[in-house]
Protein backbone atom coordinates (compact mmCIF):
# COMPACT_ATOMS: atom_id res chain seq x y z
CA MET A 1 -43.56 -19.23 84.14
CA LYS A 2 -46.20 -17.72 86.40
CA THR A 3 -48.96 -19.14 84.24
CA ARG A 4 -47.46 -22.61 84.46
CA ASN A 5 -47.14 -22.38 88.24
CA PHE A 6 -50.69 -21.06 88.44
CA ALA A 7 -51.88 -24.00 86.34
CA LYS A 8 -50.08 -26.42 88.66
CA PHE A 9 -51.67 -24.72 91.65
CA ASN A 10 -55.12 -25.02 90.06
CA ARG A 11 -54.59 -28.70 89.26
CA ARG A 12 -53.33 -29.37 92.77
CA GLY A 13 -56.19 -27.38 94.28
CA LEU A 14 -58.70 -29.25 92.15
CA LEU A 15 -57.18 -32.61 93.06
CA ALA A 16 -57.21 -31.69 96.74
CA MET A 17 -60.85 -30.62 96.54
CA LEU A 18 -61.78 -33.85 94.74
CA ALA A 19 -59.94 -35.93 97.34
CA MET A 20 -61.78 -34.16 100.14
CA ALA A 21 -65.10 -34.71 98.39
CA MET A 22 -64.54 -38.46 97.96
CA PRO A 23 -67.45 -40.39 99.41
CA VAL A 24 -66.85 -42.37 102.56
CA ALA A 25 -68.03 -45.41 100.63
CA ALA A 26 -64.63 -45.68 98.95
CA VAL A 27 -62.92 -46.77 102.18
CA PRO A 28 -62.41 -50.54 102.68
CA PHE A 29 -63.70 -52.23 105.83
CA ALA A 30 -65.49 -55.16 107.38
CA VAL A 31 -68.15 -54.95 110.08
CA VAL A 32 -68.76 -57.72 112.56
CA THR A 33 -71.91 -57.46 114.64
CA ALA A 34 -71.84 -60.71 116.60
CA SER A 35 -72.80 -60.56 120.25
CA THR A 36 -69.27 -61.55 121.25
CA PRO A 37 -66.41 -59.31 120.20
CA THR A 38 -64.73 -60.43 117.03
CA VAL A 39 -62.26 -58.95 114.66
CA ALA A 40 -62.86 -59.07 110.93
CA GLU A 41 -60.17 -58.62 108.34
CA THR A 42 -61.01 -57.69 104.80
CA ALA A 43 -60.37 -55.00 102.26
CA LEU A 44 -63.09 -56.07 99.87
CA ALA A 45 -66.23 -54.39 101.21
CA PRO A 46 -66.60 -50.60 101.22
CA LEU A 47 -67.39 -48.65 104.37
CA ASP A 48 -70.80 -47.52 103.26
CA LEU A 49 -72.23 -45.15 105.83
CA THR A 50 -75.14 -44.27 103.55
CA GLN A 51 -76.99 -47.23 105.03
CA TYR A 52 -77.07 -45.25 108.30
CA ARG A 53 -78.49 -42.03 106.83
CA GLY A 54 -81.07 -40.72 109.25
CA LYS A 55 -79.14 -42.09 112.23
CA VAL A 56 -76.29 -40.68 114.26
CA VAL A 57 -73.08 -42.65 113.61
CA TYR A 58 -70.45 -42.87 116.35
CA LEU A 59 -67.14 -44.04 114.82
CA ASP A 60 -64.56 -44.94 117.46
CA PHE A 61 -60.96 -45.64 116.38
CA TRP A 62 -58.99 -47.73 118.88
CA ALA A 63 -55.86 -49.85 119.34
CA SER A 64 -54.98 -52.67 121.72
CA TRP A 65 -52.06 -50.73 123.24
CA CYS A 66 -54.27 -47.74 124.10
CA ALA A 67 -55.16 -47.57 127.82
CA PRO A 68 -57.83 -44.84 127.42
CA CYS A 69 -59.49 -46.99 124.76
CA LYS A 70 -60.58 -49.41 127.50
CA LEU A 71 -62.44 -46.60 129.22
CA SER A 72 -64.03 -45.49 125.96
CA PHE A 73 -65.52 -48.96 125.46
CA ARG A 74 -67.25 -48.70 128.82
CA TYR A 75 -68.68 -45.33 127.75
CA MET A 76 -69.81 -46.65 124.35
CA ASN A 77 -71.64 -49.51 126.05
CA GLN A 78 -73.43 -46.93 128.22
CA LEU A 79 -74.41 -44.99 125.08
CA ARG A 80 -75.70 -48.16 123.46
CA ALA A 81 -77.87 -48.81 126.52
CA THR A 82 -79.16 -45.20 126.47
CA TYR A 83 -80.10 -44.74 122.81
CA PRO A 84 -82.10 -47.08 120.59
CA ALA A 85 -80.46 -48.48 117.45
CA LYS A 86 -82.91 -46.45 115.33
CA ASP A 87 -81.19 -43.28 116.57
CA LEU A 88 -77.52 -44.18 117.23
CA VAL A 89 -75.15 -46.61 115.52
CA ILE A 90 -71.80 -47.28 117.18
CA LEU A 91 -69.00 -48.69 115.04
CA THR A 92 -65.59 -49.41 116.55
CA ILE A 93 -62.59 -49.43 114.24
CA ASN A 94 -59.42 -51.23 115.28
CA VAL A 95 -56.14 -50.13 113.73
CA ASP A 96 -53.91 -52.93 115.06
CA ARG A 97 -51.85 -54.86 112.55
CA ASN A 98 -51.72 -57.76 115.01
CA LYS A 99 -55.12 -59.43 115.02
CA ALA A 100 -54.33 -61.42 118.17
CA ALA A 101 -53.58 -58.22 120.12
CA ALA A 102 -56.92 -56.75 119.06
CA ALA A 103 -58.76 -59.93 120.03
CA GLY A 104 -57.01 -59.96 123.42
CA PHE A 105 -58.04 -56.37 124.04
CA LEU A 106 -61.64 -57.14 123.14
CA SER A 107 -61.72 -60.07 125.55
CA THR A 108 -60.81 -57.70 128.40
CA VAL A 109 -63.34 -54.94 127.61
CA GLY A 110 -66.38 -57.08 126.95
CA GLY A 111 -68.23 -56.83 123.78
CA GLY A 112 -71.26 -56.64 121.68
CA LEU A 113 -70.18 -53.57 119.73
CA PRO A 114 -69.54 -53.93 116.00
CA VAL A 115 -65.84 -54.09 115.19
CA ILE A 116 -64.20 -53.02 111.96
CA TYR A 117 -60.63 -54.23 111.49
CA ASP A 118 -58.51 -51.65 109.64
CA PRO A 119 -54.91 -53.01 109.78
CA GLN A 120 -53.77 -50.93 106.81
CA GLY A 121 -55.19 -47.74 108.31
CA ALA A 122 -57.25 -46.83 105.25
CA ILE A 123 -60.30 -45.75 107.23
CA ALA A 124 -58.19 -44.02 109.88
CA SER A 125 -56.37 -42.08 107.16
CA HIS A 126 -59.65 -41.07 105.57
CA TYR A 127 -60.78 -39.54 108.88
CA ARG A 128 -57.32 -38.07 109.64
CA VAL A 129 -56.96 -40.04 112.86
CA ASN A 130 -53.67 -39.34 114.66
CA THR A 131 -54.63 -39.99 118.30
CA MET A 132 -56.03 -43.04 120.07
CA PRO A 133 -58.83 -43.21 120.68
CA THR A 134 -60.50 -40.86 118.25
CA THR A 135 -64.25 -40.57 117.88
CA VAL A 136 -65.95 -39.09 114.85
CA LEU A 137 -69.62 -38.18 115.29
CA ILE A 138 -71.66 -38.11 112.10
CA GLY A 139 -75.13 -36.58 112.19
CA ARG A 140 -78.35 -37.83 110.68
CA ASP A 141 -77.49 -35.67 107.67
CA GLY A 142 -74.40 -37.77 106.94
CA GLN A 143 -72.04 -34.91 107.83
CA GLU A 144 -69.16 -35.03 110.30
CA HIS A 145 -70.13 -32.81 113.26
CA PHE A 146 -67.71 -33.54 116.12
CA VAL A 147 -64.29 -35.15 116.52
CA HIS A 148 -63.06 -36.20 119.97
CA ARG A 149 -59.32 -36.84 120.14
CA GLY A 150 -58.39 -38.97 123.12
CA TYR A 151 -60.78 -40.08 125.85
CA PHE A 152 -61.05 -38.35 129.21
CA ASP A 153 -63.56 -39.21 131.95
CA THR A 154 -63.59 -35.48 132.78
CA LYS A 155 -65.10 -34.79 129.34
CA ILE A 156 -67.96 -37.31 129.49
CA GLY A 157 -70.44 -34.44 129.88
CA GLU A 158 -69.17 -32.84 126.67
CA TYR A 159 -69.20 -36.16 124.78
CA THR A 160 -72.72 -36.93 125.97
CA GLN A 161 -73.91 -33.44 125.08
CA HIS A 162 -72.61 -33.83 121.52
CA VAL A 163 -74.32 -37.21 121.06
CA ALA A 164 -77.58 -35.95 122.61
CA ALA A 165 -77.62 -32.85 120.38
CA LEU A 166 -77.16 -34.93 117.23
CA VAL A 167 -79.77 -37.51 118.27
CA ALA A 168 -82.27 -34.73 119.11
CA ASN A 169 -81.72 -33.03 115.72
CA ARG A 170 -84.23 -34.77 113.47
CA SER A 171 -84.01 -32.34 110.57
């Protein structure tokens, strides 16, 4: 009996480790990079962050009903103006199921940032997002370094420090 339970534990442990080691490329998404904010909907293309290796990737998960998300867009636009595209890539990921609500939100915050539409929550689940907004900072090495849950103007210094540290780290 103990051996069987141990075997189940090992199988479960192995499966859990494999799931955690799954490449980000397995997550469906669509990126839209038009100068005006748009929302794309597709589950056919993988979210392949390997194309950004050597750059810092700022993934921001947002929803149309999220008031702090409006403030985070202002901050992301400031970051975009501060860092060149060769150093920092900002991708915004919308989790709304209602495409019209997402588009309405984008029309109020201005645009220009790439938008990924994730109505099924596949990408959000992959990054264990449970708060809006959530930002995941990925270093030049392709590893997740910082996660910011929520957005607070009082923490801008901390957010900026994290981005600056990752951009400065060229190793």
